[in-house]
């Protein structure tokens, strides 16, 4: 300590002032919300927007001042790729948003046209497919919950296929996958974004399975709503539909 009658040098005074400023700013820096987008091309859709804003840009534009967002989602990712994305999680992350499962469903799309001898065989085949997905999805959710950060999940939307009969089969199949997602969300008390009720118009899609900039804007607004609004008082999943 300096004696009270000994003047403090200008260099030490500057150091003390700067140190105090940094210490005062530390809580503010630490408390800045940082949203992380995990999953597949529902979030990583820049390749499909024709140069228009992608979901990551639209989330940035809609978040409150002082919030930031990072894209870790990768086009084409499945549930198995989520741990690798989480390995890149920034140290200051405060919120996680996950949209995954669509590519898992695409990898099993052959069941939509598979010949079967009876409806019982069809239901059994589909039930096994959904069970396999649920097991994989639960592993992805377990990985997302390890950092102990608020987690928001998304259902799989129905897409926009040109053949009405095929679209109908897709809708039925996706319902099974989404049932698994929603049940996990209820069990873990996770807020859930219901993409089937958000991307409902042809212009929401850049192709049958990818979100356009128009659809991305709707998704971005739902993300911002999910992470900024308080969780409801009721137990179970709180659904965000737009």
C-alpha atoms as a PDB file:
ATOM      1  CA  UNK A   1       0.000   0.000   0.000  1.00  0.00           C
ATOM      2  CA  UNK A   2       1.115   3.555  -0.678  1.00  0.00           C
ATOM      3  CA  UNK A   3       1.344   5.871   2.369  1.00  0.00           C
ATOM      4  CA  UNK A   4      -1.531   8.321   2.268  1.00  0.00           C
ATOM      5  CA  UNK A   5       0.907  11.199   2.001  1.00  0.00           C
ATOM      6  CA  UNK A   6       2.767   9.671  -0.959  1.00  0.00           C
ATOM      7  CA  UNK A   7       1.357  10.565  -4.406  1.00  0.00           C
ATOM      8  CA  UNK A   8       0.388   7.733  -6.775  1.00  0.00           C
ATOM      9  CA  UNK A   9       2.318   7.717 -10.015  1.00  0.00           C
ATOM     10  CA  UNK A  10       0.359   8.481 -13.222  1.00  0.00           C
ATOM     11  CA  UNK A  11       1.157   5.002 -14.568  1.00  0.00           C
ATOM     12  CA  UNK A  12      -0.191   3.268 -11.452  1.00  0.00           C
ATOM     13  CA  UNK A  13      -3.248   5.545 -11.396  1.00  0.00           C
ATOM     14  CA  UNK A  14      -4.039   4.583 -14.995  1.00  0.00           C
ATOM     15  CA  UNK A  15      -3.626   0.895 -14.136  1.00  0.00           C
ATOM     16  CA  UNK A  16      -5.978   1.167 -11.163  1.00  0.00           C
ATOM     17  CA  UNK A  17      -8.603   3.029 -13.191  1.00  0.00           C
ATOM     18  CA  UNK A  18      -8.456   0.534 -16.062  1.00  0.00           C
ATOM     19  CA  UNK A  19      -8.590  -2.419 -13.658  1.00  0.00           C
ATOM     20  CA  UNK A  20     -11.654  -0.984 -11.947  1.00  0.00           C
ATOM     21  CA  UNK A  21     -13.331  -0.402 -15.297  1.00  0.00           C
ATOM     22  CA  UNK A  22     -12.683  -3.992 -16.375  1.00  0.00           C
ATOM     23  CA  UNK A  23     -13.936  -5.390 -13.079  1.00  0.00           C
ATOM     24  CA  UNK A  24     -17.096  -3.317 -13.301  1.00  0.00           C
ATOM     25  CA  UNK A  25     -17.699  -4.510 -16.877  1.00  0.00           C
ATOM     26  CA  UNK A  26     -17.067  -8.197 -16.146  1.00  0.00           C
ATOM     27  CA  UNK A  27     -20.560  -8.993 -14.792  1.00  0.00           C
ATOM     28  CA  UNK A  28     -22.123  -7.239 -17.782  1.00  0.00           C
ATOM     29  CA  UNK A  29     -19.993  -9.200 -20.255  1.00  0.00           C
ATOM     30  CA  UNK A  30     -20.688 -12.468 -18.478  1.00  0.00           C
ATOM     31  CA  UNK A  31     -24.437 -11.854 -18.516  1.00  0.00           C
ATOM     32  CA  UNK A  32     -24.752 -11.128 -22.235  1.00  0.00           C
ATOM     33  CA  UNK A  33     -27.099 -13.790 -23.656  1.00  0.00           C
ATOM     34  CA  UNK A  34     -25.556 -15.952 -26.388  1.00  0.00           C
ATOM     35  CA  UNK A  35     -27.871 -18.219 -28.399  1.00  0.00           C
ATOM     36  CA  UNK A  36     -26.390 -21.290 -30.127  1.00  0.00           C
ATOM     37  CA  UNK A  37     -28.167 -22.867 -33.116  1.00  0.00           C
ATOM     38  CA  UNK A  38     -27.576 -26.626 -33.378  1.00  0.00           C
ATOM     39  CA  UNK A  39     -28.776 -29.166 -35.912  1.00  0.00           C
ATOM     40  CA  UNK A  40     -29.194 -29.230 -39.675  1.00  0.00           C
ATOM     41  CA  UNK A  41     -30.225 -27.083 -42.658  1.00  0.00           C
ATOM     42  CA  UNK A  42     -33.360 -25.827 -40.938  1.00  0.00           C
ATOM     43  CA  UNK A  43     -30.915 -23.379 -39.373  1.00  0.00           C
ATOM     44  CA  UNK A  44     -27.975 -23.712 -41.801  1.00  0.00           C
ATOM     45  CA  UNK A  45     -30.026 -22.679 -44.858  1.00  0.00           C
ATOM     46  CA  UNK A  46     -27.810 -20.038 -46.497  1.00  0.00           C
ATOM     47  CA  UNK A  47     -27.243 -22.286 -49.529  1.00  0.00           C
ATOM     48  CA  UNK A  48     -30.971 -22.273 -50.318  1.00  0.00           C
ATOM     49  CA  UNK A  49     -31.963 -18.621 -49.972  1.00  0.00           C
ATOM     50  CA  UNK A  50     -30.646 -17.308 -53.286  1.00  0.00           C
ATOM     51  CA  UNK A  51     -28.547 -14.664 -51.607  1.00  0.00           C
ATOM     52  CA  UNK A  52     -31.366 -13.488 -49.352  1.00  0.00           C
ATOM     53  CA  UNK A  53     -31.000 -13.522 -45.548  1.00  0.00           C
ATOM     54  CA  UNK A  54     -30.564 -16.926 -43.916  1.00  0.00           C
ATOM     55  CA  UNK A  55     -31.911 -17.991 -40.522  1.00  0.00           C
ATOM     56  CA  UNK A  56     -28.732 -16.956 -38.704  1.00  0.00           C
ATOM     57  CA  UNK A  57     -28.992 -13.418 -40.155  1.00  0.00           C
ATOM     58  CA  UNK A  58     -32.690 -13.208 -39.353  1.00  0.00           C
ATOM     59  CA  UNK A  59     -32.179 -14.330 -35.757  1.00  0.00           C
ATOM     60  CA  UNK A  60     -29.496 -11.648 -35.343  1.00  0.00           C
ATOM     61  CA  UNK A  61     -31.884  -9.021 -36.688  1.00  0.00           C
ATOM     62  CA  UNK A  62     -34.709 -10.070 -34.358  1.00  0.00           C
ATOM     63  CA  UNK A  63     -32.813 -10.569 -31.102  1.00  0.00           C
ATOM     64  CA  UNK A  64     -32.920  -7.796 -28.487  1.00  0.00           C
ATOM     65  CA  UNK A  65     -29.968  -5.428 -28.212  1.00  0.00           C
ATOM     66  CA  UNK A  66     -27.042  -7.023 -26.385  1.00  0.00           C
ATOM     67  CA  UNK A  67     -27.896 -10.578 -27.455  1.00  0.00           C
ATOM     68  CA  UNK A  68     -25.767 -12.568 -29.891  1.00  0.00           C
ATOM     69  CA  UNK A  69     -26.153 -15.799 -31.828  1.00  0.00           C
ATOM     70  CA  UNK A  70     -23.751 -18.403 -33.234  1.00  0.00           C
ATOM     71  CA  UNK A  71     -24.521 -21.009 -35.895  1.00  0.00           C
ATOM     72  CA  UNK A  72     -23.109 -24.475 -35.181  1.00  0.00           C
ATOM     73  CA  UNK A  73     -25.786 -26.334 -37.175  1.00  0.00           C
ATOM     74  CA  UNK A  74     -24.532 -28.039 -40.335  1.00  0.00           C
ATOM     75  CA  UNK A  75     -26.521 -28.754 -43.484  1.00  0.00           C
ATOM     76  CA  UNK A  76     -27.087 -32.508 -43.747  1.00  0.00           C
ATOM     77  CA  UNK A  77     -26.503 -33.277 -40.082  1.00  0.00           C
ATOM     78  CA  UNK A  78     -28.373 -36.068 -38.295  1.00  0.00           C
ATOM     79  CA  UNK A  79     -28.790 -36.785 -34.595  1.00  0.00           C
ATOM     80  CA  UNK A  80     -25.407 -38.522 -34.614  1.00  0.00           C
ATOM     81  CA  UNK A  81     -23.664 -35.261 -35.536  1.00  0.00           C
ATOM     82  CA  UNK A  82     -24.873 -33.228 -32.553  1.00  0.00           C
ATOM     83  CA  UNK A  83     -22.052 -34.167 -30.123  1.00  0.00           C
ATOM     84  CA  UNK A  84     -19.476 -32.915 -32.654  1.00  0.00           C
ATOM     85  CA  UNK A  85     -21.331 -29.609 -32.903  1.00  0.00           C
ATOM     86  CA  UNK A  86     -21.446 -29.313 -29.119  1.00  0.00           C
ATOM     87  CA  UNK A  87     -17.677 -29.845 -29.008  1.00  0.00           C
ATOM     88  CA  UNK A  88     -17.402 -26.382 -30.591  1.00  0.00           C
ATOM     89  CA  UNK A  89     -19.709 -24.761 -28.028  1.00  0.00           C
ATOM     90  CA  UNK A  90     -18.475 -21.266 -27.068  1.00  0.00           C
ATOM     91  CA  UNK A  91     -17.594 -20.812 -23.419  1.00  0.00           C
ATOM     92  CA  UNK A  92     -20.078 -17.943 -23.076  1.00  0.00           C
ATOM     93  CA  UNK A  93     -23.082 -19.822 -24.517  1.00  0.00           C
ATOM     94  CA  UNK A  94     -26.293 -19.217 -22.552  1.00  0.00           C
ATOM     95  CA  UNK A  95     -29.074 -20.789 -24.688  1.00  0.00           C
ATOM     96  CA  UNK A  96     -29.217 -23.806 -27.017  1.00  0.00           C
ATOM     97  CA  UNK A  97     -31.733 -24.287 -29.832  1.00  0.00           C
ATOM     98  CA  UNK A  98     -31.821 -27.665 -31.602  1.00  0.00           C
ATOM     99  CA  UNK A  99     -33.509 -28.628 -34.868  1.00  0.00           C
ATOM    100  CA  UNK A 100     -32.582 -32.128 -35.981  1.00  0.00           C
ATOM    101  CA  UNK A 101     -34.279 -35.289 -37.223  1.00  0.00           C
ATOM    102  CA  UNK A 102     -35.335 -34.358 -40.738  1.00  0.00           C
ATOM    103  CA  UNK A 103     -32.306 -36.043 -42.260  1.00  0.00           C
ATOM    104  CA  UNK A 104     -32.863 -39.107 -40.085  1.00  0.00           C
ATOM    105  CA  UNK A 105     -36.337 -39.307 -41.609  1.00  0.00           C
ATOM    106  CA  UNK A 106     -34.986 -38.793 -45.135  1.00  0.00           C
ATOM    107  CA  UNK A 107     -32.611 -41.708 -44.668  1.00  0.00           C
ATOM    108  CA  UNK A 108     -35.645 -43.950 -44.108  1.00  0.00           C
ATOM    109  CA  UNK A 109     -37.913 -42.502 -46.813  1.00  0.00           C
ATOM    110  CA  UNK A 110     -37.910 -45.830 -48.663  1.00  0.00           C
ATOM    111  CA  UNK A 111     -40.573 -47.090 -46.258  1.00  0.00           C
ATOM    112  CA  UNK A 112     -43.053 -44.654 -47.850  1.00  0.00           C
ATOM    113  CA  UNK A 113     -43.099 -46.740 -51.039  1.00  0.00           C
ATOM    114  CA  UNK A 114     -42.100 -50.135 -49.685  1.00  0.00           C
ATOM    115  CA  UNK A 115     -44.472 -52.949 -50.757  1.00  0.00           C
ATOM    116  CA  UNK A 116     -45.986 -54.801 -47.800  1.00  0.00           C
ATOM    117  CA  UNK A 117     -48.370 -57.746 -47.519  1.00  0.00           C
ATOM    118  CA  UNK A 118     -50.639 -56.214 -44.881  1.00  0.00           C
ATOM    119  CA  UNK A 119     -51.328 -53.075 -42.893  1.00  0.00           C
ATOM    120  CA  UNK A 120     -49.986 -54.916 -39.841  1.00  0.00           C
ATOM    121  CA  UNK A 121     -46.623 -55.313 -41.583  1.00  0.00           C
ATOM    122  CA  UNK A 122     -46.640 -51.634 -42.548  1.00  0.00           C
ATOM    123  CA  UNK A 123     -47.382 -50.489 -38.997  1.00  0.00           C
ATOM    124  CA  UNK A 124     -44.727 -52.792 -37.554  1.00  0.00           C
ATOM    125  CA  UNK A 125     -42.116 -51.498 -39.994  1.00  0.00           C
ATOM    126  CA  UNK A 126     -42.988 -47.896 -39.230  1.00  0.00           C
ATOM    127  CA  UNK A 127     -43.051 -48.468 -35.467  1.00  0.00           C
ATOM    128  CA  UNK A 128     -39.531 -49.926 -35.562  1.00  0.00           C
ATOM    129  CA  UNK A 129     -38.317 -46.979 -37.635  1.00  0.00           C
ATOM    130  CA  UNK A 130     -39.702 -44.467 -35.136  1.00  0.00           C
ATOM    131  CA  UNK A 131     -38.269 -46.447 -32.199  1.00  0.00           C
ATOM    132  CA  UNK A 132     -34.817 -46.332 -33.786  1.00  0.00           C
ATOM    133  CA  UNK A 133     -35.158 -42.591 -34.324  1.00  0.00           C
ATOM    134  CA  UNK A 134     -36.311 -41.970 -30.773  1.00  0.00           C
ATOM    135  CA  UNK A 135     -33.306 -43.812 -29.368  1.00  0.00           C
ATOM    136  CA  UNK A 136     -30.958 -41.703 -31.507  1.00  0.00           C
ATOM    137  CA  UNK A 137     -32.829 -38.491 -30.678  1.00  0.00           C
ATOM    138  CA  UNK A 138     -32.626 -39.192 -26.952  1.00  0.00           C
ATOM    139  CA  UNK A 139     -28.845 -39.499 -27.235  1.00  0.00           C
ATOM    140  CA  UNK A 140     -28.688 -36.132 -28.992  1.00  0.00           C
ATOM    141  CA  UNK A 141     -30.850 -34.532 -26.297  1.00  0.00           C
ATOM    142  CA  UNK A 142     -28.703 -36.057 -23.556  1.00  0.00           C
ATOM    143  CA  UNK A 143     -25.634 -34.495 -25.163  1.00  0.00           C
ATOM    144  CA  UNK A 144     -27.380 -31.108 -25.404  1.00  0.00           C
ATOM    145  CA  UNK A 145     -28.358 -31.216 -21.733  1.00  0.00           C
ATOM    146  CA  UNK A 146     -24.837 -31.878 -20.455  1.00  0.00           C
ATOM    147  CA  UNK A 147     -23.849 -28.156 -20.492  1.00  0.00           C
ATOM    148  CA  UNK A 148     -26.874 -27.441 -18.222  1.00  0.00           C
ATOM    149  CA  UNK A 149     -28.085 -24.570 -20.399  1.00  0.00           C
ATOM    150  CA  UNK A 150     -31.684 -23.765 -21.376  1.00  0.00           C
ATOM    151  CA  UNK A 151     -32.558 -25.942 -24.376  1.00  0.00           C
ATOM    152  CA  UNK A 152     -35.254 -25.340 -26.986  1.00  0.00           C
ATOM    153  CA  UNK A 153     -36.108 -28.100 -29.460  1.00  0.00           C
ATOM    154  CA  UNK A 154     -37.968 -28.135 -32.780  1.00  0.00           C
ATOM    155  CA  UNK A 155     -40.309 -30.586 -34.430  1.00  0.00           C
ATOM    156  CA  UNK A 156     -39.785 -31.670 -38.060  1.00  0.00           C
ATOM    157  CA  UNK A 157     -41.970 -29.858 -40.584  1.00  0.00           C
ATOM    158  CA  UNK A 158     -43.862 -31.643 -43.344  1.00  0.00           C
ATOM    159  CA  UNK A 159     -42.046 -30.103 -46.312  1.00  0.00           C
ATOM    160  CA  UNK A 160     -43.666 -29.218 -49.619  1.00  0.00           C
ATOM    161  CA  UNK A 161     -43.723 -32.102 -52.104  1.00  0.00           C
ATOM    162  CA  UNK A 162     -45.352 -31.713 -55.540  1.00  0.00           C
ATOM    163  CA  UNK A 163     -47.163 -35.071 -55.483  1.00  0.00           C
ATOM    164  CA  UNK A 164     -50.225 -34.780 -53.172  1.00  0.00           C
ATOM    165  CA  UNK A 165     -50.356 -38.520 -52.505  1.00  0.00           C
ATOM    166  CA  UNK A 166     -46.681 -38.625 -51.553  1.00  0.00           C
ATOM    167  CA  UNK A 167     -47.129 -35.502 -49.385  1.00  0.00           C
ATOM    168  CA  UNK A 168     -49.918 -37.247 -47.537  1.00  0.00           C
ATOM    169  CA  UNK A 169     -47.673 -40.206 -46.760  1.00  0.00           C
ATOM    170  CA  UNK A 170     -44.927 -37.859 -45.648  1.00  0.00           C
ATOM    171  CA  UNK A 171     -47.297 -36.061 -43.268  1.00  0.00           C
ATOM    172  CA  UNK A 172     -48.301 -39.350 -41.634  1.00  0.00           C
ATOM    173  CA  UNK A 173     -44.696 -40.512 -41.324  1.00  0.00           C
ATOM    174  CA  UNK A 174     -43.446 -37.187 -39.916  1.00  0.00           C
ATOM    175  CA  UNK A 175     -46.207 -37.308 -37.310  1.00  0.00           C
ATOM    176  CA  UNK A 176     -44.598 -40.443 -35.899  1.00  0.00           C
ATOM    177  CA  UNK A 177     -41.160 -38.836 -35.706  1.00  0.00           C
ATOM    178  CA  UNK A 178     -42.621 -35.672 -34.182  1.00  0.00           C
ATOM    179  CA  UNK A 179     -44.529 -37.690 -31.623  1.00  0.00           C
ATOM    180  CA  UNK A 180     -41.186 -38.978 -30.389  1.00  0.00           C
ATOM    181  CA  UNK A 181     -39.711 -35.458 -30.309  1.00  0.00           C
ATOM    182  CA  UNK A 182     -42.670 -34.001 -28.434  1.00  0.00           C
ATOM    183  CA  UNK A 183     -42.751 -36.850 -25.912  1.00  0.00           C
ATOM    184  CA  UNK A 184     -39.069 -36.317 -25.168  1.00  0.00           C
ATOM    185  CA  UNK A 185     -39.727 -32.591 -24.838  1.00  0.00           C
ATOM    186  CA  UNK A 186     -42.548 -33.166 -22.356  1.00  0.00           C
ATOM    187  CA  UNK A 187     -40.459 -35.641 -20.391  1.00  0.00           C
ATOM    188  CA  UNK A 188     -37.503 -33.257 -20.164  1.00  0.00           C
ATOM    189  CA  UNK A 189     -39.735 -30.156 -19.779  1.00  0.00           C
ATOM    190  CA  UNK A 190     -38.238 -28.487 -22.847  1.00  0.00           C
ATOM    191  CA  UNK A 191     -39.753 -25.620 -24.774  1.00  0.00           C
ATOM    192  CA  UNK A 192     -40.669 -26.856 -28.261  1.00  0.00           C
ATOM    193  CA  UNK A 193     -40.983 -24.946 -31.543  1.00  0.00           C
ATOM    194  CA  UNK A 194     -43.692 -26.594 -33.662  1.00  0.00           C
ATOM    195  CA  UNK A 195     -42.329 -26.096 -37.184  1.00  0.00           C
ATOM    196  CA  UNK A 196     -45.358 -27.757 -38.782  1.00  0.00           C
ATOM    197  CA  UNK A 197     -47.427 -24.772 -37.679  1.00  0.00           C
ATOM    198  CA  UNK A 198     -44.816 -22.220 -38.739  1.00  0.00           C
ATOM    199  CA  UNK A 199     -43.804 -23.213 -42.280  1.00  0.00           C
ATOM    200  CA  UNK A 200     -47.260 -23.675 -43.796  1.00  0.00           C
ATOM    201  CA  UNK A 201     -47.071 -21.859 -47.164  1.00  0.00           C
ATOM    202  CA  UNK A 202     -45.354 -22.805 -50.442  1.00  0.00           C
ATOM    203  CA  UNK A 203     -43.155 -19.693 -50.252  1.00  0.00           C
ATOM    204  CA  UNK A 204     -41.737 -20.935 -46.937  1.00  0.00           C
ATOM    205  CA  UNK A 205     -39.777 -23.583 -48.869  1.00  0.00           C
ATOM    206  CA  UNK A 206     -36.856 -23.202 -51.266  1.00  0.00           C
ATOM    207  CA  UNK A 207     -37.405 -26.807 -52.389  1.00  0.00           C
ATOM    208  CA  UNK A 208     -39.438 -29.699 -50.953  1.00  0.00           C
ATOM    209  CA  UNK A 209     -37.330 -29.949 -47.794  1.00  0.00           C
ATOM    210  CA  UNK A 210     -35.341 -26.734 -47.241  1.00  0.00           C
ATOM    211  CA  UNK A 211     -36.570 -23.446 -45.756  1.00  0.00           C
ATOM    212  CA  UNK A 212     -36.494 -20.361 -47.964  1.00  0.00           C
ATOM    213  CA  UNK A 213     -35.631 -16.913 -46.676  1.00  0.00           C
ATOM    214  CA  UNK A 214     -39.372 -16.353 -46.161  1.00  0.00           C
ATOM    215  CA  UNK A 215     -39.722 -19.520 -44.109  1.00  0.00           C
ATOM    216  CA  UNK A 216     -36.446 -18.772 -42.370  1.00  0.00           C
ATOM    217  CA  UNK A 217     -37.786 -15.439 -41.157  1.00  0.00           C
ATOM    218  CA  UNK A 218     -40.737 -17.219 -39.557  1.00  0.00           C
ATOM    219  CA  UNK A 219     -38.399 -19.753 -37.952  1.00  0.00           C
ATOM    220  CA  UNK A 220     -36.121 -16.966 -36.708  1.00  0.00           C
ATOM    221  CA  UNK A 221     -38.998 -15.124 -35.053  1.00  0.00           C
ATOM    222  CA  UNK A 222     -40.069 -18.343 -33.327  1.00  0.00           C
ATOM    223  CA  UNK A 223     -36.513 -18.904 -32.073  1.00  0.00           C
ATOM    224  CA  UNK A 224     -36.314 -15.393 -30.654  1.00  0.00           C
ATOM    225  CA  UNK A 225     -39.719 -15.782 -29.022  1.00  0.00           C
ATOM    226  CA  UNK A 226     -38.698 -19.115 -27.500  1.00  0.00           C
ATOM    227  CA  UNK A 227     -35.431 -17.895 -25.975  1.00  0.00           C
ATOM    228  CA  UNK A 228     -36.559 -14.467 -24.782  1.00  0.00           C
ATOM    229  CA  UNK A 229     -39.974 -15.237 -23.304  1.00  0.00           C
ATOM    230  CA  UNK A 230     -40.143 -16.837 -19.848  1.00  0.00           C
ATOM    231  CA  UNK A 231     -41.050 -20.496 -19.589  1.00  0.00           C
ATOM    232  CA  UNK A 232     -44.690 -21.109 -18.693  1.00  0.00           C
ATOM    233  CA  UNK A 233     -45.619 -22.080 -15.178  1.00  0.00           C
ATOM    234  CA  UNK A 234     -47.184 -25.382 -16.266  1.00  0.00           C
ATOM    235  CA  UNK A 235     -45.007 -28.470 -16.185  1.00  0.00           C
ATOM    236  CA  UNK A 236     -44.103 -30.128 -19.447  1.00  0.00           C
ATOM    237  CA  UNK A 237     -43.232 -28.752 -22.859  1.00  0.00           C
ATOM    238  CA  UNK A 238     -44.268 -25.247 -23.803  1.00  0.00           C
ATOM    239  CA  UNK A 239     -45.047 -25.158 -27.519  1.00  0.00           C
ATOM    240  CA  UNK A 240     -44.099 -22.157 -29.656  1.00  0.00           C
ATOM    241  CA  UNK A 241     -46.179 -22.122 -32.847  1.00  0.00           C
ATOM    242  CA  UNK A 242     -45.135 -18.821 -34.395  1.00  0.00           C
END
